[in-house]
Amino acid sequence: MSNDITVDDLRRILASCAGATEGGSLDGDILDKSFDDLGYDSLAMMETASVISREFGIVIPDDELFDLETPRALLELVNGLVRTAG
């Protein structure tokens, strides 16, 4: 698939992977909030990567996934991988 993943796509995926947000909110501008502030731990990030792989066919290497600190960094990585694959 060659379409970029949007912030709304990512927001939907993040919400589905964490259920109800425990510490943070996915409302408003989330791009530069840390995953820690949004309440996402390593398990939620692994689930997020799994959903992105299933829905968009993009595999995020584990070592890169755990270096990502914000949704913006995740979107930039994933969309870069989308463009490379497309």
PDB file of N, CA and C in Angstrom:
ATOM      1  N   MET A   1       0.848  -1.172   0.000  1.00  0.00           N
ATOM      2  CA  MET A   1       0.000   0.000   0.000  1.00  0.00           C
ATOM      3  C   MET A   1       0.892   1.232   0.000  1.00  0.00           C
ATOM      4  N   SER A   2       0.546   2.247  -0.739  1.00  0.00           N
ATOM      5  CA  SER A   2       1.430   3.390  -0.879  1.00  0.00           C
ATOM      6  C   SER A   2       0.863   4.677  -0.275  1.00  0.00           C
ATOM      7  N   ASN A   3      -0.302   4.631   0.364  1.00  0.00           N
ATOM      8  CA  ASN A   3      -0.870   5.834   0.965  1.00  0.00           C
ATOM      9  C   ASN A   3      -0.259   6.083   2.328  1.00  0.00           C
ATOM     10  N   ASP A   4       0.020   7.354   2.590  1.00  0.00           N
ATOM     11  CA  ASP A   4       0.542   7.719   3.899  1.00  0.00           C
ATOM     12  C   ASP A   4      -0.492   7.439   4.982  1.00  0.00           C
ATOM     13  N   ILE A   5       0.000   7.159   6.153  1.00  0.00           N
ATOM     14  CA  ILE A   5      -0.853   7.002   7.319  1.00  0.00           C
ATOM     15  C   ILE A   5      -1.041   8.390   7.923  1.00  0.00           C
ATOM     16  N   THR A   6      -2.276   8.779   8.177  1.00  0.00           N
ATOM     17  CA  THR A   6      -2.567  10.118   8.695  1.00  0.00           C
ATOM     18  C   THR A   6      -2.573  10.110  10.221  1.00  0.00           C
ATOM     19  N   VAL A   7      -2.579  11.307  10.764  1.00  0.00           N
ATOM     20  CA  VAL A   7      -2.661  11.410  12.222  1.00  0.00           C
ATOM     21  C   VAL A   7      -3.977  10.833  12.722  1.00  0.00           C
ATOM     22  N   ASP A   8      -5.044  10.957  11.937  1.00  0.00           N
ATOM     23  CA  ASP A   8      -6.324  10.359  12.352  1.00  0.00           C
ATOM     24  C   ASP A   8      -6.259   8.833  12.312  1.00  0.00           C
ATOM     25  N   ASP A   9      -5.565   8.276  11.312  1.00  0.00           N
ATOM     26  CA  ASP A   9      -5.345   6.820  11.286  1.00  0.00           C
ATOM     27  C   ASP A   9      -4.594   6.394  12.553  1.00  0.00           C
ATOM     28  N   LEU A  10      -3.522   7.130  12.854  1.00  0.00           N
ATOM     29  CA  LEU A  10      -2.716   6.776  14.016  1.00  0.00           C
ATOM     30  C   LEU A  10      -3.511   6.932  15.307  1.00  0.00           C
ATOM     31  N   ARG A  11      -4.298   8.000  15.423  1.00  0.00           N
ATOM     32  CA  ARG A  11      -5.116   8.224  16.619  1.00  0.00           C
ATOM     33  C   ARG A  11      -6.088   7.042  16.823  1.00  0.00           C
ATOM     34  N   ARG A  12      -6.713   6.596  15.733  1.00  0.00           N
ATOM     35  CA  ARG A  12      -7.646   5.467  15.812  1.00  0.00           C
ATOM     36  C   ARG A  12      -6.915   4.205  16.266  1.00  0.00           C
ATOM     37  N   ILE A  13      -5.749   3.964  15.688  1.00  0.00           N
ATOM     38  CA  ILE A  13      -4.979   2.772  16.042  1.00  0.00           C
ATOM     39  C   ILE A  13      -4.529   2.840  17.496  1.00  0.00           C
ATOM     40  N   LEU A  14      -4.028   3.999  17.916  1.00  0.00           N
ATOM     41  CA  LEU A  14      -3.583   4.140  19.305  1.00  0.00           C
ATOM     42  C   LEU A  14      -4.739   3.906  20.268  1.00  0.00           C
ATOM     43  N   ALA A  15      -5.898   4.452  19.942  1.00  0.00           N
ATOM     44  CA  ALA A  15      -7.063   4.268  20.817  1.00  0.00           C
ATOM     45  C   ALA A  15      -7.454   2.800  20.900  1.00  0.00           C
ATOM     46  N   SER A  16      -7.393   2.096  19.786  1.00  0.00           N
ATOM     47  CA  SER A  16      -7.790   0.681  19.793  1.00  0.00           C
ATOM     48  C   SER A  16      -6.776  -0.186  20.524  1.00  0.00           C
ATOM     49  N   CYS A  17      -5.523   0.232  20.541  1.00  0.00           N
ATOM     50  CA  CYS A  17      -4.475  -0.585  21.159  1.00  0.00           C
ATOM     51  C   CYS A  17      -4.386  -0.399  22.664  1.00  0.00           C
ATOM     52  N   ALA A  18      -4.829   0.721  23.150  1.00  0.00           N
ATOM     53  CA  ALA A  18      -4.731   0.964  24.580  1.00  0.00           C
ATOM     54  C   ALA A  18      -6.082   0.911  25.258  1.00  0.00           C
ATOM     55  N   GLY A  19      -7.142   0.718  24.482  1.00  0.00           N
ATOM     56  CA  GLY A  19      -8.462   0.790  25.080  1.00  0.00           C
ATOM     57  C   GLY A  19      -8.695   2.206  25.539  1.00  0.00           C
ATOM     58  N   ALA A  20      -9.208   2.370  26.691  1.00  0.00           N
ATOM     59  CA  ALA A  20      -9.356   3.710  27.250  1.00  0.00           C
ATOM     60  C   ALA A  20      -7.989   4.196  27.694  1.00  0.00           C
ATOM     61  N   THR A  21      -7.657   5.428  27.360  1.00  0.00           N
ATOM     62  CA  THR A  21      -6.355   5.949  27.765  1.00  0.00           C
ATOM     63  C   THR A  21      -6.345   6.080  29.275  1.00  0.00           C
ATOM     64  N   GLU A  22      -5.251   5.665  29.864  1.00  0.00           N
ATOM     65  CA  GLU A  22      -5.159   5.674  31.313  1.00  0.00           C
ATOM     66  C   GLU A  22      -4.622   6.991  31.844  1.00  0.00           C
ATOM     67  N   GLY A  23      -3.560   7.485  31.245  1.00  0.00           N
ATOM     68  CA  GLY A  23      -2.968   8.710  31.777  1.00  0.00           C
ATOM     69  C   GLY A  23      -3.093   9.882  30.852  1.00  0.00           C
ATOM     70  N   GLY A  24      -3.298   9.626  29.609  1.00  0.00           N
ATOM     71  CA  GLY A  24      -3.322  10.722  28.663  1.00  0.00           C
ATOM     72  C   GLY A  24      -4.591  10.724  27.863  1.00  0.00           C
ATOM     73  N   SER A  25      -4.684  11.701  27.009  1.00  0.00           N
ATOM     74  CA  SER A  25      -5.844  11.827  26.150  1.00  0.00           C
ATOM     75  C   SER A  25      -5.367  11.865  24.709  1.00  0.00           C
ATOM     76  N   LEU A  26      -6.163  11.314  23.828  1.00  0.00           N
ATOM     77  CA  LEU A  26      -5.820  11.352  22.415  1.00  0.00           C
ATOM     78  C   LEU A  26      -6.543  12.485  21.705  1.00  0.00           C
ATOM     79  N   ASP A  27      -7.204  13.354  22.468  1.00  0.00           N
ATOM     80  CA  ASP A  27      -7.863  14.515  21.883  1.00  0.00           C
ATOM     81  C   ASP A  27      -6.835  15.614  21.630  1.00  0.00           C
ATOM     82  N   GLY A  28      -7.134  16.453  20.660  1.00  0.00           N
ATOM     83  CA  GLY A  28      -6.262  17.590  20.401  1.00  0.00           C
ATOM     84  C   GLY A  28      -4.996  17.191  19.673  1.00  0.00           C
ATOM     85  N   ASP A  29      -3.996  18.032  19.822  1.00  0.00           N
ATOM     86  CA  ASP A  29      -2.730  17.817  19.124  1.00  0.00           C
ATOM     87  C   ASP A  29      -1.858  16.864  19.938  1.00  0.00           C
ATOM     88  N   ILE A  30      -1.736  15.651  19.449  1.00  0.00           N
ATOM     89  CA  ILE A  30      -0.971  14.637  20.182  1.00  0.00           C
ATOM     90  C   ILE A  30       0.408  14.410  19.586  1.00  0.00           C
ATOM     91  N   LEU A  31       0.672  15.023  18.439  1.00  0.00           N
ATOM     92  CA  LEU A  31       1.870  14.660  17.673  1.00  0.00           C
ATOM     93  C   LEU A  31       3.165  14.774  18.462  1.00  0.00           C
ATOM     94  N   ASP A  32       3.278  15.792  19.315  1.00  0.00           N
ATOM     95  CA  ASP A  32       4.547  15.989  20.010  1.00  0.00           C
ATOM     96  C   ASP A  32       4.492  15.619  21.486  1.00  0.00           C
ATOM     97  N   LYS A  33       3.396  14.995  21.901  1.00  0.00           N
ATOM     98  CA  LYS A  33       3.335  14.488  23.276  1.00  0.00           C
ATOM     99  C   LYS A  33       4.104  13.169  23.334  1.00  0.00           C
ATOM    100  N   SER A  34       4.744  12.929  24.448  1.00  0.00           N
ATOM    101  CA  SER A  34       5.482  11.670  24.557  1.00  0.00           C
ATOM    102  C   SER A  34       4.495  10.517  24.751  1.00  0.00           C
ATOM    103  N   PHE A  35       4.908   9.346  24.291  1.00  0.00           N
ATOM    104  CA  PHE A  35       4.063   8.174  24.509  1.00  0.00           C
ATOM    105  C   PHE A  35       3.880   7.922  26.001  1.00  0.00           C
ATOM    106  N   ASP A  36       4.890   8.226  26.793  1.00  0.00           N
ATOM    107  CA  ASP A  36       4.749   8.086  28.249  1.00  0.00           C
ATOM    108  C   ASP A  36       3.625   8.976  28.764  1.00  0.00           C
ATOM    109  N   ASP A  37       3.597  10.244  28.309  1.00  0.00           N
ATOM    110  CA  ASP A  37       2.547  11.170  28.751  1.00  0.00           C
ATOM    111  C   ASP A  37       1.172  10.723  28.278  1.00  0.00           C
ATOM    112  N   LEU A  38       1.119  10.046  27.137  1.00  0.00           N
ATOM    113  CA  LEU A  38      -0.155   9.557  26.615  1.00  0.00           C
ATOM    114  C   LEU A  38      -0.579   8.255  27.277  1.00  0.00           C
ATOM    115  N   GLY A  39       0.294   7.683  28.099  1.00  0.00           N
ATOM    116  CA  GLY A  39      -0.044   6.472  28.824  1.00  0.00           C
ATOM    117  C   GLY A  39       0.270   5.184  28.074  1.00  0.00           C
ATOM    118  N   TYR A  40       1.187   5.262  27.114  1.00  0.00           N
ATOM    119  CA  TYR A  40       1.520   4.080  26.322  1.00  0.00           C
ATOM    120  C   TYR A  40       2.809   3.450  26.808  1.00  0.00           C
ATOM    121  N   ASP A  41       2.719   2.182  27.154  1.00  0.00           N
ATOM    122  CA  ASP A  41       3.897   1.439  27.561  1.00  0.00           C
ATOM    123  C   ASP A  41       4.381   0.573  26.393  1.00  0.00           C
ATOM    124  N   SER A  42       5.400  -0.224  26.634  1.00  0.00           N
ATOM    125  CA  SER A  42       5.987  -1.015  25.551  1.00  0.00           C
ATOM    126  C   SER A  42       4.990  -2.017  24.968  1.00  0.00           C
ATOM    127  N   LEU A  43       4.128  -2.572  25.800  1.00  0.00           N
ATOM    128  CA  LEU A  43       3.128  -3.524  25.302  1.00  0.00           C
ATOM    129  C   LEU A  43       2.147  -2.827  24.355  1.00  0.00           C
ATOM    130  N   ALA A  44       1.685  -1.639  24.723  1.00  0.00           N
ATOM    131  CA  ALA A  44       0.770  -0.883  23.854  1.00  0.00           C
ATOM    132  C   ALA A  44       1.469  -0.502  22.549  1.00  0.00           C
ATOM    133  N   MET A  45       2.755  -0.191  22.619  1.00  0.00           N
ATOM    134  CA  MET A  45       3.500   0.153  21.395  1.00  0.00           C
ATOM    135  C   MET A  45       3.648  -1.070  20.490  1.00  0.00           C
ATOM    136  N   MET A  46       3.882  -2.236  21.088  1.00  0.00           N
ATOM    137  CA  MET A  46       3.982  -3.457  20.278  1.00  0.00           C
ATOM    138  C   MET A  46       2.646  -3.759  19.603  1.00  0.00           C
ATOM    139  N   GLU A  47       1.552  -3.557  20.313  1.00  0.00           N
ATOM    140  CA  GLU A  47       0.225  -3.763  19.731  1.00  0.00           C
ATOM    141  C   GLU A  47      -0.019  -2.756  18.619  1.00  0.00           C
ATOM    142  N   THR A  48       0.385  -1.513  18.825  1.00  0.00           N
ATOM    143  CA  THR A  48       0.250  -0.482  17.788  1.00  0.00           C
ATOM    144  C   THR A  48       1.014  -0.901  16.533  1.00  0.00           C
ATOM    145  N   ALA A  49       2.231  -1.356  16.698  1.00  0.00           N
ATOM    146  CA  ALA A  49       3.030  -1.796  15.551  1.00  0.00           C
ATOM    147  C   ALA A  49       2.378  -2.978  14.856  1.00  0.00           C
ATOM    148  N   SER A  50       1.770  -3.863  15.638  1.00  0.00           N
ATOM    149  CA  SER A  50       1.097  -5.027  15.061  1.00  0.00           C
ATOM    150  C   SER A  50      -0.106  -4.601  14.214  1.00  0.00           C
ATOM    151  N   VAL A  51      -0.883  -3.659  14.706  1.00  0.00           N
ATOM    152  CA  VAL A  51      -2.049  -3.181  13.943  1.00  0.00           C
ATOM    153  C   VAL A  51      -1.593  -2.457  12.677  1.00  0.00           C
ATOM    154  N   ILE A  52      -0.555  -1.648  12.775  1.00  0.00           N
ATOM    155  CA  ILE A  52      -0.033  -0.957  11.587  1.00  0.00           C
ATOM    156  C   ILE A  52       0.425  -1.987  10.554  1.00  0.00           C
ATOM    157  N   SER A  53       1.073  -3.032  11.003  1.00  0.00           N
ATOM    158  CA  SER A  53       1.511  -4.088  10.093  1.00  0.00           C
ATOM    159  C   SER A  53       0.325  -4.766   9.414  1.00  0.00           C
ATOM    160  N   ARG A  54      -0.682  -5.099  10.205  1.00  0.00           N
ATOM    161  CA  ARG A  54      -1.875  -5.769   9.674  1.00  0.00           C
ATOM    162  C   ARG A  54      -2.647  -4.878   8.695  1.00  0.00           C
ATOM    163  N   GLU A  55      -2.835  -3.622   9.050  1.00  0.00           N
ATOM    164  CA  GLU A  55      -3.674  -2.740   8.237  1.00  0.00           C
ATOM    165  C   GLU A  55      -2.942  -2.133   7.047  1.00  0.00           C
ATOM    166  N   PHE A  56      -1.661  -1.867   7.204  1.00  0.00           N
ATOM    167  CA  PHE A  56      -0.932  -1.135   6.166  1.00  0.00           C
ATOM    168  C   PHE A  56       0.212  -1.923   5.551  1.00  0.00           C
ATOM    169  N   GLY A  57       0.487  -3.106   6.089  1.00  0.00           N
ATOM    170  CA  GLY A  57       1.544  -3.932   5.523  1.00  0.00           C
ATOM    171  C   GLY A  57       2.946  -3.406   5.794  1.00  0.00           C
ATOM    172  N   ILE A  58       3.083  -2.585   6.838  1.00  0.00           N
ATOM    173  CA  ILE A  58       4.376  -1.996   7.188  1.00  0.00           C
ATOM    174  C   ILE A  58       4.890  -2.634   8.474  1.00  0.00           C
ATOM    175  N   VAL A  59       6.081  -3.187   8.412  1.00  0.00           N
ATOM    176  CA  VAL A  59       6.686  -3.799   9.587  1.00  0.00           C
ATOM    177  C   VAL A  59       7.684  -2.820  10.197  1.00  0.00           C
ATOM    178  N   ILE A  60       7.458  -2.487  11.461  1.00  0.00           N
ATOM    179  CA  ILE A  60       8.363  -1.589  12.179  1.00  0.00           C
ATOM    180  C   ILE A  60       9.340  -2.449  12.966  1.00  0.00           C
ATOM    181  N   PRO A  61      10.631  -2.335  12.682  1.00  0.00           N
ATOM    182  CA  PRO A  61      11.603  -3.125  13.437  1.00  0.00           C
ATOM    183  C   PRO A  61      11.538  -2.777  14.929  1.00  0.00           C
ATOM    184  N   ASP A  62      11.631  -3.801  15.786  1.00  0.00           N
ATOM    185  CA  ASP A  62      11.516  -3.594  17.231  1.00  0.00           C
ATOM    186  C   ASP A  62      12.503  -2.559  17.751  1.00  0.00           C
ATOM    187  N   ASP A  63      13.747  -2.599  17.260  1.00  0.00           N
ATOM    188  CA  ASP A  63      14.735  -1.659  17.788  1.00  0.00           C
ATOM    189  C   ASP A  63      14.385  -0.227  17.430  1.00  0.00           C
ATOM    190  N   GLU A  64      13.719  -0.004  16.317  1.00  0.00           N
ATOM    191  CA  GLU A  64      13.292   1.348  15.949  1.00  0.00           C
ATOM    192  C   GLU A  64      12.019   1.735  16.703  1.00  0.00           C
ATOM    193  N   LEU A  65      11.127   0.775  16.903  1.00  0.00           N
ATOM    194  CA  LEU A  65       9.868   1.060  17.595  1.00  0.00           C
ATOM    195  C   LEU A  65      10.123   1.619  18.993  1.00  0.00           C
ATOM    196  N   PHE A  66      11.020   1.001  19.717  1.00  0.00           N
ATOM    197  CA  PHE A  66      11.222   1.408  21.106  1.00  0.00           C
ATOM    198  C   PHE A  66      12.072   2.659  21.248  1.00  0.00           C
ATOM    199  N   ASP A  67      12.634   3.155  20.149  1.00  0.00           N
ATOM    200  CA  ASP A  67      13.344   4.438  20.180  1.00  0.00           C
ATOM    201  C   ASP A  67      12.399   5.608  19.928  1.00  0.00           C
ATOM    202  N   LEU A  68      11.181   5.330  19.473  1.00  0.00           N
ATOM    203  CA  LEU A  68      10.235   6.386  19.139  1.00  0.00           C
ATOM    204  C   LEU A  68       9.642   6.977  20.414  1.00  0.00           C
ATOM    205  N   GLU A  69       9.661   8.303  20.503  1.00  0.00           N
ATOM    206  CA  GLU A  69       9.167   8.949  21.716  1.00  0.00           C
ATOM    207  C   GLU A  69       7.825   9.638  21.544  1.00  0.00           C
ATOM    208  N   THR A  70       7.455   9.970  20.293  1.00  0.00           N
ATOM    209  CA  THR A  70       6.215  10.725  20.067  1.00  0.00           C
ATOM    210  C   THR A  70       5.443  10.137  18.884  1.00  0.00           C
ATOM    211  N   PRO A  71       4.152  10.422  18.810  1.00  0.00           N
ATOM    212  CA  PRO A  71       3.381  10.018  17.634  1.00  0.00           C
ATOM    213  C   PRO A  71       3.946  10.603  16.340  1.00  0.00           C
ATOM    214  N   ARG A  72       4.491  11.824  16.390  1.00  0.00           N
ATOM    215  CA  ARG A  72       5.079  12.402  15.180  1.00  0.00           C
ATOM    216  C   ARG A  72       6.251  11.536  14.686  1.00  0.00           C
ATOM    217  N   ALA A  73       7.091  11.105  15.600  1.00  0.00           N
ATOM    218  CA  ALA A  73       8.221  10.259  15.223  1.00  0.00           C
ATOM    219  C   ALA A  73       7.725   8.937  14.637  1.00  0.00           C
ATOM    220  N   LEU A  74       6.668   8.387  15.208  1.00  0.00           N
ATOM    221  CA  LEU A  74       6.102   7.141  14.682  1.00  0.00           C
ATOM    222  C   LEU A  74       5.542   7.352  13.279  1.00  0.00           C
ATOM    223  N   LEU A  75       4.797   8.442  13.083  1.00  0.00           N
ATOM    224  CA  LEU A  75       4.241   8.726  11.750  1.00  0.00           C
ATOM    225  C   LEU A  75       5.342   8.929  10.720  1.00  0.00           C
ATOM    226  N   GLU A  76       6.394   9.670  11.085  1.00  0.00           N
ATOM    227  CA  GLU A  76       7.488   9.907  10.146  1.00  0.00           C
ATOM    228  C   GLU A  76       8.175   8.599   9.760  1.00  0.00           C
ATOM    229  N   LEU A  77       8.399   7.734  10.741  1.00  0.00           N
ATOM    230  CA  LEU A  77       9.025   6.445  10.442  1.00  0.00           C
ATOM    231  C   LEU A  77       8.123   5.605   9.550  1.00  0.00           C
ATOM    232  N   VAL A  78       6.855   5.476   9.937  1.00  0.00           N
ATOM    233  CA  VAL A  78       5.933   4.615   9.186  1.00  0.00           C
ATOM    234  C   VAL A  78       5.730   5.146   7.768  1.00  0.00           C
ATOM    235  N   ASN A  79       5.530   6.454   7.636  1.00  0.00           N
ATOM    236  CA  ASN A  79       5.308   6.994   6.288  1.00  0.00           C
ATOM    237  C   ASN A  79       6.571   6.909   5.435  1.00  0.00           C
ATOM    238  N   GLY A  80       7.728   6.997   6.055  1.00  0.00           N
ATOM    239  CA  GLY A  80       8.962   6.762   5.317  1.00  0.00           C
ATOM    240  C   GLY A  80       9.042   5.329   4.814  1.00  0.00           C
ATOM    241  N   LEU A  81       8.620   4.388   5.668  1.00  0.00           N
ATOM    242  CA  LEU A  81       8.611   2.982   5.259  1.00  0.00           C
ATOM    243  C   LEU A  81       7.562   2.733   4.173  1.00  0.00           C
ATOM    244  N   VAL A  82       6.407   3.441   4.261  1.00  0.00           N
ATOM    245  CA  VAL A  82       5.364   3.313   3.232  1.00  0.00           C
ATOM    246  C   VAL A  82       5.920   3.760   1.886  1.00  0.00           C
ATOM    247  N   ARG A  83       6.611   4.904   1.881  1.00  0.00           N
ATOM    248  CA  ARG A  83       7.150   5.433   0.615  1.00  0.00           C
ATOM    249  C   ARG A  83       8.238   4.510   0.059  1.00  0.00           C
ATOM    250  N   THR A  84       9.041   3.946   0.931  1.00  0.00           N
ATOM    251  CA  THR A  84      10.094   3.039   0.484  1.00  0.00           C
ATOM    252  C   THR A  84       9.493   1.771  -0.116  1.00  0.00           C
ATOM    253  N   ALA A  85       8.410   1.283   0.510  1.00  0.00           N
ATOM    254  CA  ALA A  85       7.772   0.058   0.036  1.00  0.00           C
ATOM    255  C   ALA A  85       6.950   0.284  -1.223  1.00  0.00           C
ATOM    256  N   GLY A  86       6.449   1.533  -1.388  1.00  0.00           N
ATOM    257  CA  GLY A  86       5.533   1.802  -2.497  1.00  0.00           C
ATOM    258  C   GLY A  86       6.229   2.010  -3.770  1.00  0.00           C
TER     259      GLY A  86
END
